[in-house]
Amino acid sequence: MSVVKPEKKQKHDGSVDTMNSDDARFIVMRGDYTAEQILKAAVEQGEIEPEDEEAWSHARYYQSWYKTSPLGGQDGYSRWNHPRDTPCRGAYFASVLCWD
């Protein structure tokens, strides 16, 4: 099943965050972007160092909707981002690089 993409830009499109879980590391860029665009923005926004760009270029790329829970979710995280196949109120669309 393919992901339903947003029809127009959202408020925070283009912002980049790095996130971690117990099993993986992520670079998350809000909006519809390619892996190359994510890496360029991550370096420009100071989320990764320029020398790390080559390593991240081999990470798994995907797109998904996310709903953020401010309650932390699992294991004491400050927030938890729940992936979704479809949009819902308060969800954001993101392009992601993931190191499993």
PDB file of N, CA and C in Angstrom:
ATOM      1  N   MET A   1       0.835  -1.177   0.000  1.00  0.00           N
ATOM      2  CA  MET A   1       0.000   0.000   0.000  1.00  0.00           C
ATOM      3  C   MET A   1       0.882   1.244   0.000  1.00  0.00           C
ATOM      4  N   SER A   2       0.571   2.190  -0.848  1.00  0.00           N
ATOM      5  CA  SER A   2       1.367   3.406  -0.901  1.00  0.00           C
ATOM      6  C   SER A   2       0.830   4.429   0.098  1.00  0.00           C
ATOM      7  N   VAL A   3       1.717   5.295   0.519  1.00  0.00           N
ATOM      8  CA  VAL A   3       1.377   6.317   1.499  1.00  0.00           C
ATOM      9  C   VAL A   3       0.649   7.461   0.801  1.00  0.00           C
ATOM     10  N   VAL A   4      -0.404   7.951   1.417  1.00  0.00           N
ATOM     11  CA  VAL A   4      -1.137   9.103   0.908  1.00  0.00           C
ATOM     12  C   VAL A   4      -0.352  10.353   1.271  1.00  0.00           C
ATOM     13  N   LYS A   5       0.105  11.089   0.268  1.00  0.00           N
ATOM     14  CA  LYS A   5       0.897  12.295   0.511  1.00  0.00           C
ATOM     15  C   LYS A   5      -0.019  13.507   0.659  1.00  0.00           C
ATOM     16  N   PRO A   6       0.432  14.521   1.393  1.00  0.00           N
ATOM     17  CA  PRO A   6      -0.384  15.730   1.551  1.00  0.00           C
ATOM     18  C   PRO A   6      -0.515  16.477   0.224  1.00  0.00           C
ATOM     19  N   GLU A   7      -1.628  17.144   0.045  1.00  0.00           N
ATOM     20  CA  GLU A   7      -1.873  17.890  -1.194  1.00  0.00           C
ATOM     21  C   GLU A   7      -1.198  19.256  -1.204  1.00  0.00           C
ATOM     22  N   LYS A   8      -0.904  19.805  -0.029  1.00  0.00           N
ATOM     23  CA  LYS A   8      -0.234  21.100   0.047  1.00  0.00           C
ATOM     24  C   LYS A   8       0.786  21.064   1.182  1.00  0.00           C
ATOM     25  N   LYS A   9       1.684  22.038   1.166  1.00  0.00           N
ATOM     26  CA  LYS A   9       2.713  22.101   2.206  1.00  0.00           C
ATOM     27  C   LYS A   9       2.072  22.328   3.566  1.00  0.00           C
ATOM     28  N   GLN A  10       2.713  21.768   4.582  1.00  0.00           N
ATOM     29  CA  GLN A  10       2.250  21.952   5.947  1.00  0.00           C
ATOM     30  C   GLN A  10       3.116  22.991   6.651  1.00  0.00           C
ATOM     31  N   LYS A  11       2.688  23.407   7.811  1.00  0.00           N
ATOM     32  CA  LYS A  11       3.309  24.511   8.549  1.00  0.00           C
ATOM     33  C   LYS A  11       4.817  24.340   8.765  1.00  0.00           C
ATOM     34  N   HIS A  12       5.257  23.154   9.134  1.00  0.00           N
ATOM     35  CA  HIS A  12       6.670  22.946   9.487  1.00  0.00           C
ATOM     36  C   HIS A  12       7.460  22.188   8.425  1.00  0.00           C
ATOM     37  N   ASP A  13       6.962  22.148   7.187  1.00  0.00           N
ATOM     38  CA  ASP A  13       7.694  21.460   6.119  1.00  0.00           C
ATOM     39  C   ASP A  13       9.110  21.996   6.004  1.00  0.00           C
ATOM     40  N   GLY A  14      10.047  21.091   5.839  1.00  0.00           N
ATOM     41  CA  GLY A  14      11.445  21.470   5.691  1.00  0.00           C
ATOM     42  C   GLY A  14      12.240  21.430   6.978  1.00  0.00           C
ATOM     43  N   SER A  15      11.568  21.336   8.124  1.00  0.00           N
ATOM     44  CA  SER A  15      12.317  21.260   9.384  1.00  0.00           C
ATOM     45  C   SER A  15      12.844  19.834   9.580  1.00  0.00           C
ATOM     46  N   VAL A  16      14.040  19.747  10.132  1.00  0.00           N
ATOM     47  CA  VAL A  16      14.734  18.470  10.296  1.00  0.00           C
ATOM     48  C   VAL A  16      14.996  18.208  11.776  1.00  0.00           C
ATOM     49  N   ASP A  17      14.780  16.971  12.199  1.00  0.00           N
ATOM     50  CA  ASP A  17      15.095  16.535  13.560  1.00  0.00           C
ATOM     51  C   ASP A  17      15.805  15.197  13.495  1.00  0.00           C
ATOM     52  N   THR A  18      16.702  14.972  14.433  1.00  0.00           N
ATOM     53  CA  THR A  18      17.259  13.634  14.604  1.00  0.00           C
ATOM     54  C   THR A  18      16.539  13.012  15.790  1.00  0.00           C
ATOM     55  N   MET A  19      16.228  11.741  15.671  1.00  0.00           N
ATOM     56  CA  MET A  19      15.520  11.023  16.722  1.00  0.00           C
ATOM     57  C   MET A  19      16.192   9.675  16.936  1.00  0.00           C
ATOM     58  N   ASN A  20      16.029   9.149  18.135  1.00  0.00           N
ATOM     59  CA  ASN A  20      16.600   7.853  18.481  1.00  0.00           C
ATOM     60  C   ASN A  20      15.560   6.993  19.166  1.00  0.00           C
ATOM     61  N   SER A  21      15.662   5.700  18.940  1.00  0.00           N
ATOM     62  CA  SER A  21      14.901   4.733  19.713  1.00  0.00           C
ATOM     63  C   SER A  21      15.918   3.737  20.245  1.00  0.00           C
ATOM     64  N   ASP A  22      15.466   2.719  20.923  1.00  0.00           N
ATOM     65  CA  ASP A  22      16.393   1.710  21.420  1.00  0.00           C
ATOM     66  C   ASP A  22      17.055   0.939  20.282  1.00  0.00           C
ATOM     67  N   ASP A  23      16.383   0.874  19.129  1.00  0.00           N
ATOM     68  CA  ASP A  23      16.846   0.036  18.036  1.00  0.00           C
ATOM     69  C   ASP A  23      17.373   0.774  16.816  1.00  0.00           C
ATOM     70  N   ALA A  24      17.128   2.075  16.710  1.00  0.00           N
ATOM     71  CA  ALA A  24      17.478   2.781  15.483  1.00  0.00           C
ATOM     72  C   ALA A  24      17.713   4.267  15.722  1.00  0.00           C
ATOM     73  N   ARG A  25      18.333   4.900  14.711  1.00  0.00           N
ATOM     74  CA  ARG A  25      18.507   6.356  14.689  1.00  0.00           C
ATOM     75  C   ARG A  25      17.822   6.872  13.433  1.00  0.00           C
ATOM     76  N   PHE A  26      17.254   8.075  13.507  1.00  0.00           N
ATOM     77  CA  PHE A  26      16.469   8.617  12.417  1.00  0.00           C
ATOM     78  C   PHE A  26      16.837  10.070  12.141  1.00  0.00           C
ATOM     79  N   ILE A  27      16.770  10.446  10.862  1.00  0.00           N
ATOM     80  CA  ILE A  27      16.730  11.852  10.475  1.00  0.00           C
ATOM     81  C   ILE A  27      15.359  12.028   9.852  1.00  0.00           C
ATOM     82  N   VAL A  28      14.560  12.900  10.447  1.00  0.00           N
ATOM     83  CA  VAL A  28      13.173  13.097  10.028  1.00  0.00           C
ATOM     84  C   VAL A  28      13.023  14.516   9.483  1.00  0.00           C
ATOM     85  N   MET A  29      12.580  14.617   8.240  1.00  0.00           N
ATOM     86  CA  MET A  29      12.338  15.918   7.622  1.00  0.00           C
ATOM     87  C   MET A  29      10.857  16.006   7.280  1.00  0.00           C
ATOM     88  N   ARG A  30      10.205  16.965   7.872  1.00  0.00           N
ATOM     89  CA  ARG A  30       8.771  17.115   7.627  1.00  0.00           C
ATOM     90  C   ARG A  30       8.514  17.537   6.186  1.00  0.00           C
ATOM     91  N   GLY A  31       7.612  16.800   5.519  1.00  0.00           N
ATOM     92  CA  GLY A  31       7.246  17.096   4.137  1.00  0.00           C
ATOM     93  C   GLY A  31       7.703  16.004   3.185  1.00  0.00           C
ATOM     94  N   ASP A  32       7.460  16.233   1.906  1.00  0.00           N
ATOM     95  CA  ASP A  32       7.759  15.289   0.831  1.00  0.00           C
ATOM     96  C   ASP A  32       9.120  15.627   0.225  1.00  0.00           C
ATOM     97  N   TYR A  33      10.163  14.910   0.644  1.00  0.00           N
ATOM     98  CA  TYR A  33      11.531  15.194   0.215  1.00  0.00           C
ATOM     99  C   TYR A  33      12.265  13.906  -0.136  1.00  0.00           C
ATOM    100  N   THR A  34      13.306  14.029  -0.944  1.00  0.00           N
ATOM    101  CA  THR A  34      14.149  12.887  -1.304  1.00  0.00           C
ATOM    102  C   THR A  34      15.208  12.672  -0.219  1.00  0.00           C
ATOM    103  N   ALA A  35      15.884  11.547  -0.282  1.00  0.00           N
ATOM    104  CA  ALA A  35      16.964  11.261   0.668  1.00  0.00           C
ATOM    105  C   ALA A  35      18.069  12.312   0.554  1.00  0.00           C
ATOM    106  N   GLU A  36      18.392  12.720  -0.662  1.00  0.00           N
ATOM    107  CA  GLU A  36      19.438  13.721  -0.871  1.00  0.00           C
ATOM    108  C   GLU A  36      19.051  15.067  -0.255  1.00  0.00           C
ATOM    109  N   GLN A  37      17.790  15.443  -0.401  1.00  0.00           N
ATOM    110  CA  GLN A  37      17.320  16.701   0.190  1.00  0.00           C
ATOM    111  C   GLN A  37      17.354  16.636   1.714  1.00  0.00           C
ATOM    112  N   ILE A  38      17.040  15.489   2.285  1.00  0.00           N
ATOM    113  CA  ILE A  38      17.099  15.320   3.743  1.00  0.00           C
ATOM    114  C   ILE A  38      18.522  15.524   4.233  1.00  0.00           C
ATOM    115  N   LEU A  39      19.476  14.877   3.578  1.00  0.00           N
ATOM    116  CA  LEU A  39      20.884  14.980   4.001  1.00  0.00           C
ATOM    117  C   LEU A  39      21.391  16.418   3.904  1.00  0.00           C
ATOM    118  N   LYS A  40      21.096  17.082   2.803  1.00  0.00           N
ATOM    119  CA  LYS A  40      21.543  18.471   2.624  1.00  0.00           C
ATOM    120  C   LYS A  40      20.971  19.361   3.719  1.00  0.00           C
ATOM    121  N   ALA A  41      19.680  19.233   3.991  1.00  0.00           N
ATOM    122  CA  ALA A  41      19.042  20.057   5.023  1.00  0.00           C
ATOM    123  C   ALA A  41      19.558  19.704   6.416  1.00  0.00           C
ATOM    124  N   ALA A  42      19.815  18.436   6.678  1.00  0.00           N
ATOM    125  CA  ALA A  42      20.324  18.027   7.994  1.00  0.00           C
ATOM    126  C   ALA A  42      21.679  18.655   8.283  1.00  0.00           C
ATOM    127  N   VAL A  43      22.544  18.732   7.277  1.00  0.00           N
ATOM    128  CA  VAL A  43      23.848  19.385   7.445  1.00  0.00           C
ATOM    129  C   VAL A  43      23.653  20.888   7.622  1.00  0.00           C
ATOM    130  N   GLU A  44      22.837  21.495   6.766  1.00  0.00           N
ATOM    131  CA  GLU A  44      22.611  22.951   6.830  1.00  0.00           C
ATOM    132  C   GLU A  44      21.982  23.377   8.150  1.00  0.00           C
ATOM    133  N   GLN A  45      21.097  22.546   8.711  1.00  0.00           N
ATOM    134  CA  GLN A  45      20.427  22.886   9.964  1.00  0.00           C
ATOM    135  C   GLN A  45      21.196  22.408  11.193  1.00  0.00           C
ATOM    136  N   GLY A  46      22.388  21.821  10.990  1.00  0.00           N
ATOM    137  CA  GLY A  46      23.240  21.424  12.103  1.00  0.00           C
ATOM    138  C   GLY A  46      22.811  20.162  12.829  1.00  0.00           C
ATOM    139  N   GLU A  47      21.980  19.347  12.202  1.00  0.00           N
ATOM    140  CA  GLU A  47      21.540  18.106  12.842  1.00  0.00           C
ATOM    141  C   GLU A  47      22.574  16.993  12.708  1.00  0.00           C
ATOM    142  N   ILE A  48      23.346  17.015  11.624  1.00  0.00           N
ATOM    143  CA  ILE A  48      24.461  16.076  11.465  1.00  0.00           C
ATOM    144  C   ILE A  48      25.676  16.853  10.988  1.00  0.00           C
ATOM    145  N   GLU A  49      26.835  16.282  11.200  1.00  0.00           N
ATOM    146  CA  GLU A  49      28.091  16.895  10.746  1.00  0.00           C
ATOM    147  C   GLU A  49      28.297  16.569   9.268  1.00  0.00           C
ATOM    148  N   PRO A  50      28.945  17.457   8.516  1.00  0.00           N
ATOM    149  CA  PRO A  50      29.182  17.189   7.093  1.00  0.00           C
ATOM    150  C   PRO A  50      29.898  15.855   6.840  1.00  0.00           C
ATOM    151  N   GLU A  51      30.802  15.481   7.723  1.00  0.00           N
ATOM    152  CA  GLU A  51      31.537  14.221   7.526  1.00  0.00           C
ATOM    153  C   GLU A  51      30.659  12.980   7.739  1.00  0.00           C
ATOM    154  N   ASP A  52      29.481  13.147   8.350  1.00  0.00           N
ATOM    155  CA  ASP A  52      28.555  12.028   8.556  1.00  0.00           C
ATOM    156  C   ASP A  52      27.590  11.826   7.388  1.00  0.00           C
ATOM    157  N   GLU A  53      27.594  12.764   6.441  1.00  0.00           N
ATOM    158  CA  GLU A  53      26.648  12.709   5.327  1.00  0.00           C
ATOM    159  C   GLU A  53      26.821  11.438   4.491  1.00  0.00           C
ATOM    160  N   GLU A  54      28.033  11.023   4.222  1.00  0.00           N
ATOM    161  CA  GLU A  54      28.285   9.819   3.425  1.00  0.00           C
ATOM    162  C   GLU A  54      27.719   8.571   4.102  1.00  0.00           C
ATOM    163  N   ALA A  55      27.935   8.430   5.399  1.00  0.00           N
ATOM    164  CA  ALA A  55      27.404   7.259   6.116  1.00  0.00           C
ATOM    165  C   ALA A  55      25.880   7.239   6.076  1.00  0.00           C
ATOM    166  N   TRP A  56      25.265   8.389   6.290  1.00  0.00           N
ATOM    167  CA  TRP A  56      23.803   8.464   6.280  1.00  0.00           C
ATOM    168  C   TRP A  56      23.225   8.222   4.887  1.00  0.00           C
ATOM    169  N   SER A  57      24.025   8.406   3.841  1.00  0.00           N
ATOM    170  CA  SER A  57      23.515   8.191   2.485  1.00  0.00           C
ATOM    171  C   SER A  57      23.162   6.723   2.226  1.00  0.00           C
ATOM    172  N   HIS A  58      23.588   5.823   3.106  1.00  0.00           N
ATOM    173  CA  HIS A  58      23.292   4.392   2.974  1.00  0.00           C
ATOM    174  C   HIS A  58      22.141   3.957   3.877  1.00  0.00           C
ATOM    175  N   ALA A  59      21.530   4.898   4.579  1.00  0.00           N
ATOM    176  CA  ALA A  59      20.421   4.573   5.484  1.00  0.00           C
ATOM    177  C   ALA A  59      19.160   4.265   4.683  1.00  0.00           C
ATOM    178  N   ARG A  60      18.243   3.559   5.307  1.00  0.00           N
ATOM    179  CA  ARG A  60      16.957   3.214   4.675  1.00  0.00           C
ATOM    180  C   ARG A  60      16.085   4.469   4.600  1.00  0.00           C
ATOM    181  N   TYR A  61      15.493   4.710   3.437  1.00  0.00           N
ATOM    182  CA  TYR A  61      14.638   5.867   3.201  1.00  0.00           C
ATOM    183  C   TYR A  61      13.176   5.421   3.126  1.00  0.00           C
ATOM    184  N   TYR A  62      12.287   6.174   3.762  1.00  0.00           N
ATOM    185  CA  TYR A  62      10.854   5.919   3.623  1.00  0.00           C
ATOM    186  C   TYR A  62      10.075   7.182   3.969  1.00  0.00           C
ATOM    187  N   GLN A  63       8.781   7.155   3.678  1.00  0.00           N
ATOM    188  CA  GLN A  63       7.891   8.268   4.008  1.00  0.00           C
ATOM    189  C   GLN A  63       6.695   7.730   4.778  1.00  0.00           C
ATOM    190  N   SER A  64       6.201   8.536   5.721  1.00  0.00           N
ATOM    191  CA  SER A  64       5.083   8.107   6.548  1.00  0.00           C
ATOM    192  C   SER A  64       4.421   9.323   7.193  1.00  0.00           C
ATOM    193  N   TRP A  65       3.197   9.127   7.628  1.00  0.00           N
ATOM    194  CA  TRP A  65       2.526  10.090   8.496  1.00  0.00           C
ATOM    195  C   TRP A  65       2.906   9.758   9.931  1.00  0.00           C
ATOM    196  N   TYR A  66       3.010  10.768  10.793  1.00  0.00           N
ATOM    197  CA  TYR A  66       3.323  10.567  12.208  1.00  0.00           C
ATOM    198  C   TYR A  66       2.377  11.366  13.080  1.00  0.00           C
ATOM    199  N   LYS A  67       2.016  10.793  14.175  1.00  0.00           N
ATOM    200  CA  LYS A  67       1.226  11.469  15.207  1.00  0.00           C
ATOM    201  C   LYS A  67       2.096  11.480  16.451  1.00  0.00           C
ATOM    202  N   THR A  68       2.327  12.648  17.016  1.00  0.00           N
ATOM    203  CA  THR A  68       3.182  12.776  18.193  1.00  0.00           C
ATOM    204  C   THR A  68       2.356  12.722  19.459  1.00  0.00           C
ATOM    205  N   SER A  69       2.809  11.897  20.384  1.00  0.00           N
ATOM    206  CA  SER A  69       2.197  11.825  21.702  1.00  0.00           C
ATOM    207  C   SER A  69       3.119  12.534  22.688  1.00  0.00           C
ATOM    208  N   PRO A  70       2.656  13.605  23.323  1.00  0.00           N
ATOM    209  CA  PRO A  70       3.515  14.335  24.264  1.00  0.00           C
ATOM    210  C   PRO A  70       3.713  13.607  25.583  1.00  0.00           C
ATOM    211  N   LEU A  71       3.041  12.516  25.773  1.00  0.00           N
ATOM    212  CA  LEU A  71       3.107  11.805  27.051  1.00  0.00           C
ATOM    213  C   LEU A  71       4.305  10.889  27.171  1.00  0.00           C
ATOM    214  N   GLY A  72       5.105  10.780  26.130  1.00  0.00           N
ATOM    215  CA  GLY A  72       6.329  10.002  26.234  1.00  0.00           C
ATOM    216  C   GLY A  72       6.223   8.597  25.705  1.00  0.00           C
ATOM    217  N   GLY A  73       5.086   7.980  25.831  1.00  0.00           N
ATOM    218  CA  GLY A  73       4.966   6.638  25.273  1.00  0.00           C
ATOM    219  C   GLY A  73       5.801   5.632  26.022  1.00  0.00           C
ATOM    220  N   GLN A  74       6.765   5.062  25.339  1.00  0.00           N
ATOM    221  CA  GLN A  74       7.513   3.929  25.871  1.00  0.00           C
ATOM    222  C   GLN A  74       8.802   4.340  26.570  1.00  0.00           C
ATOM    223  N   ASP A  75       9.107   3.682  27.637  1.00  0.00           N
ATOM    224  CA  ASP A  75      10.414   3.745  28.305  1.00  0.00           C
ATOM    225  C   ASP A  75      10.893   5.146  28.659  1.00  0.00           C
ATOM    226  N   GLY A  76       9.986   6.062  28.985  1.00  0.00           N
ATOM    227  CA  GLY A  76      10.387   7.358  29.498  1.00  0.00           C
ATOM    228  C   GLY A  76      10.852   8.374  28.481  1.00  0.00           C
ATOM    229  N   TYR A  77      10.611   8.163  27.186  1.00  0.00           N
ATOM    230  CA  TYR A  77      10.959   9.174  26.196  1.00  0.00           C
ATOM    231  C   TYR A  77      10.106  10.419  26.438  1.00  0.00           C
ATOM    232  N   SER A  78      10.621  11.592  26.042  1.00  0.00           N
ATOM    233  CA  SER A  78       9.887  12.835  26.263  1.00  0.00           C
ATOM    234  C   SER A  78       8.660  12.947  25.358  1.00  0.00           C
ATOM    235  N   ARG A  79       8.695  12.281  24.219  1.00  0.00           N
ATOM    236  CA  ARG A  79       7.531  12.211  23.333  1.00  0.00           C
ATOM    237  C   ARG A  79       7.684  10.946  22.491  1.00  0.00           C
ATOM    238  N   TRP A  80       6.599  10.537  21.900  1.00  0.00           N
ATOM    239  CA  TRP A  80       6.626   9.331  21.081  1.00  0.00           C
ATOM    240  C   TRP A  80       5.946   9.641  19.760  1.00  0.00           C
ATOM    241  N   ASN A  81       6.602   9.351  18.645  1.00  0.00           N
ATOM    242  CA  ASN A  81       6.059   9.599  17.313  1.00  0.00           C
ATOM    243  C   ASN A  81       5.527   8.288  16.751  1.00  0.00           C
ATOM    244  N   HIS A  82       4.217   8.207  16.607  1.00  0.00           N
ATOM    245  CA  HIS A  82       3.560   6.994  16.140  1.00  0.00           C
ATOM    246  C   HIS A  82       3.407   7.046  14.626  1.00  0.00           C
ATOM    247  N   PRO A  83       4.015   6.114  13.874  1.00  0.00           N
ATOM    248  CA  PRO A  83       3.823   6.108  12.417  1.00  0.00           C
ATOM    249  C   PRO A  83       2.403   5.698  12.048  1.00  0.00           C
ATOM    250  N   ARG A  84       1.909   6.273  10.943  1.00  0.00           N
ATOM    251  CA  ARG A  84       0.557   5.986  10.450  1.00  0.00           C
ATOM    252  C   ARG A  84       0.603   5.884   8.930  1.00  0.00           C
ATOM    253  N   ASP A  85      -0.306   5.117   8.358  1.00  0.00           N
ATOM    254  CA  ASP A  85      -0.416   5.021   6.904  1.00  0.00           C
ATOM    255  C   ASP A  85      -1.244   6.155   6.319  1.00  0.00           C
ATOM    256  N   THR A  86      -2.126   6.714   7.123  1.00  0.00           N
ATOM    257  CA  THR A  86      -3.041   7.746   6.638  1.00  0.00           C
ATOM    258  C   THR A  86      -2.992   8.973   7.543  1.00  0.00           C
ATOM    259  N   PRO A  87      -3.355  10.133   7.018  1.00  0.00           N
ATOM    260  CA  PRO A  87      -3.361  11.338   7.846  1.00  0.00           C
ATOM    261  C   PRO A  87      -4.498  11.314   8.862  1.00  0.00           C
ATOM    262  N   CYS A  88      -4.312  12.046   9.927  1.00  0.00           N
ATOM    263  CA  CYS A  88      -5.363  12.265  10.912  1.00  0.00           C
ATOM    264  C   CYS A  88      -5.121  13.639  11.519  1.00  0.00           C
ATOM    265  N   ARG A  89      -6.062  14.115  12.300  1.00  0.00           N
ATOM    266  CA  ARG A  89      -5.925  15.433  12.920  1.00  0.00           C
ATOM    267  C   ARG A  89      -4.644  15.487  13.752  1.00  0.00           C
ATOM    268  N   GLY A  90      -3.820  16.497  13.498  1.00  0.00           N
ATOM    269  CA  GLY A  90      -2.597  16.693  14.252  1.00  0.00           C
ATOM    270  C   GLY A  90      -1.408  15.889  13.761  1.00  0.00           C
ATOM    271  N   ALA A  91      -1.581  15.075  12.732  1.00  0.00           N
ATOM    272  CA  ALA A  91      -0.468  14.274  12.210  1.00  0.00           C
ATOM    273  C   ALA A  91       0.365  15.109  11.239  1.00  0.00           C
ATOM    274  N   TYR A  92       1.606  14.716  11.059  1.00  0.00           N
ATOM    275  CA  TYR A  92       2.461  15.366  10.067  1.00  0.00           C
ATOM    276  C   TYR A  92       3.044  14.320   9.133  1.00  0.00           C
ATOM    277  N   PHE A  93       3.316  14.727   7.901  1.00  0.00           N
ATOM    278  CA  PHE A  93       3.910  13.856   6.891  1.00  0.00           C
ATOM    279  C   PHE A  93       5.406  14.086   6.918  1.00  0.00           C
ATOM    280  N   ALA A  94       6.196  13.006   6.851  1.00  0.00           N
ATOM    281  CA  ALA A  94       7.641  13.154   6.922  1.00  0.00           C
ATOM    282  C   ALA A  94       8.359  12.190   5.988  1.00  0.00           C
ATOM    283  N   SER A  95       9.520  12.611   5.553  1.00  0.00           N
ATOM    284  CA  SER A  95      10.457  11.786   4.811  1.00  0.00           C
ATOM    285  C   SER A  95      11.558  11.432   5.799  1.00  0.00           C
ATOM    286  N   VAL A  96      11.980  10.166   5.806  1.00  0.00           N
ATOM    287  CA  VAL A  96      12.824   9.666   6.897  1.00  0.00           C
ATOM    288  C   VAL A  96      14.012   8.878   6.363  1.00  0.00           C
ATOM    289  N   LEU A  97      15.167   9.070   7.018  1.00  0.00           N
ATOM    290  CA  LEU A  97      16.313   8.186   6.847  1.00  0.00           C
ATOM    291  C   LEU A  97      16.475   7.436   8.164  1.00  0.00           C
ATOM    292  N   CYS A  98      16.661   6.121   8.082  1.00  0.00           N
ATOM    293  CA  CYS A  98      16.695   5.293   9.292  1.00  0.00           C
ATOM    294  C   CYS A  98      17.897   4.354   9.268  1.00  0.00           C
ATOM    295  N   TRP A  99      18.662   4.369  10.364  1.00  0.00           N
ATOM    296  CA  TRP A  99      19.706   3.367  10.603  1.00  0.00           C
ATOM    297  C   TRP A  99      19.118   2.363  11.579  1.00  0.00           C
ATOM    298  N   ASP A 100      18.848   1.149  11.112  1.00  0.00           N
ATOM    299  CA  ASP A 100      18.314   0.079  11.972  1.00  0.00           C
ATOM    300  C   ASP A 100      19.424  -0.571  12.763  1.00  0.00           C
TER     301      ASP A 100
END
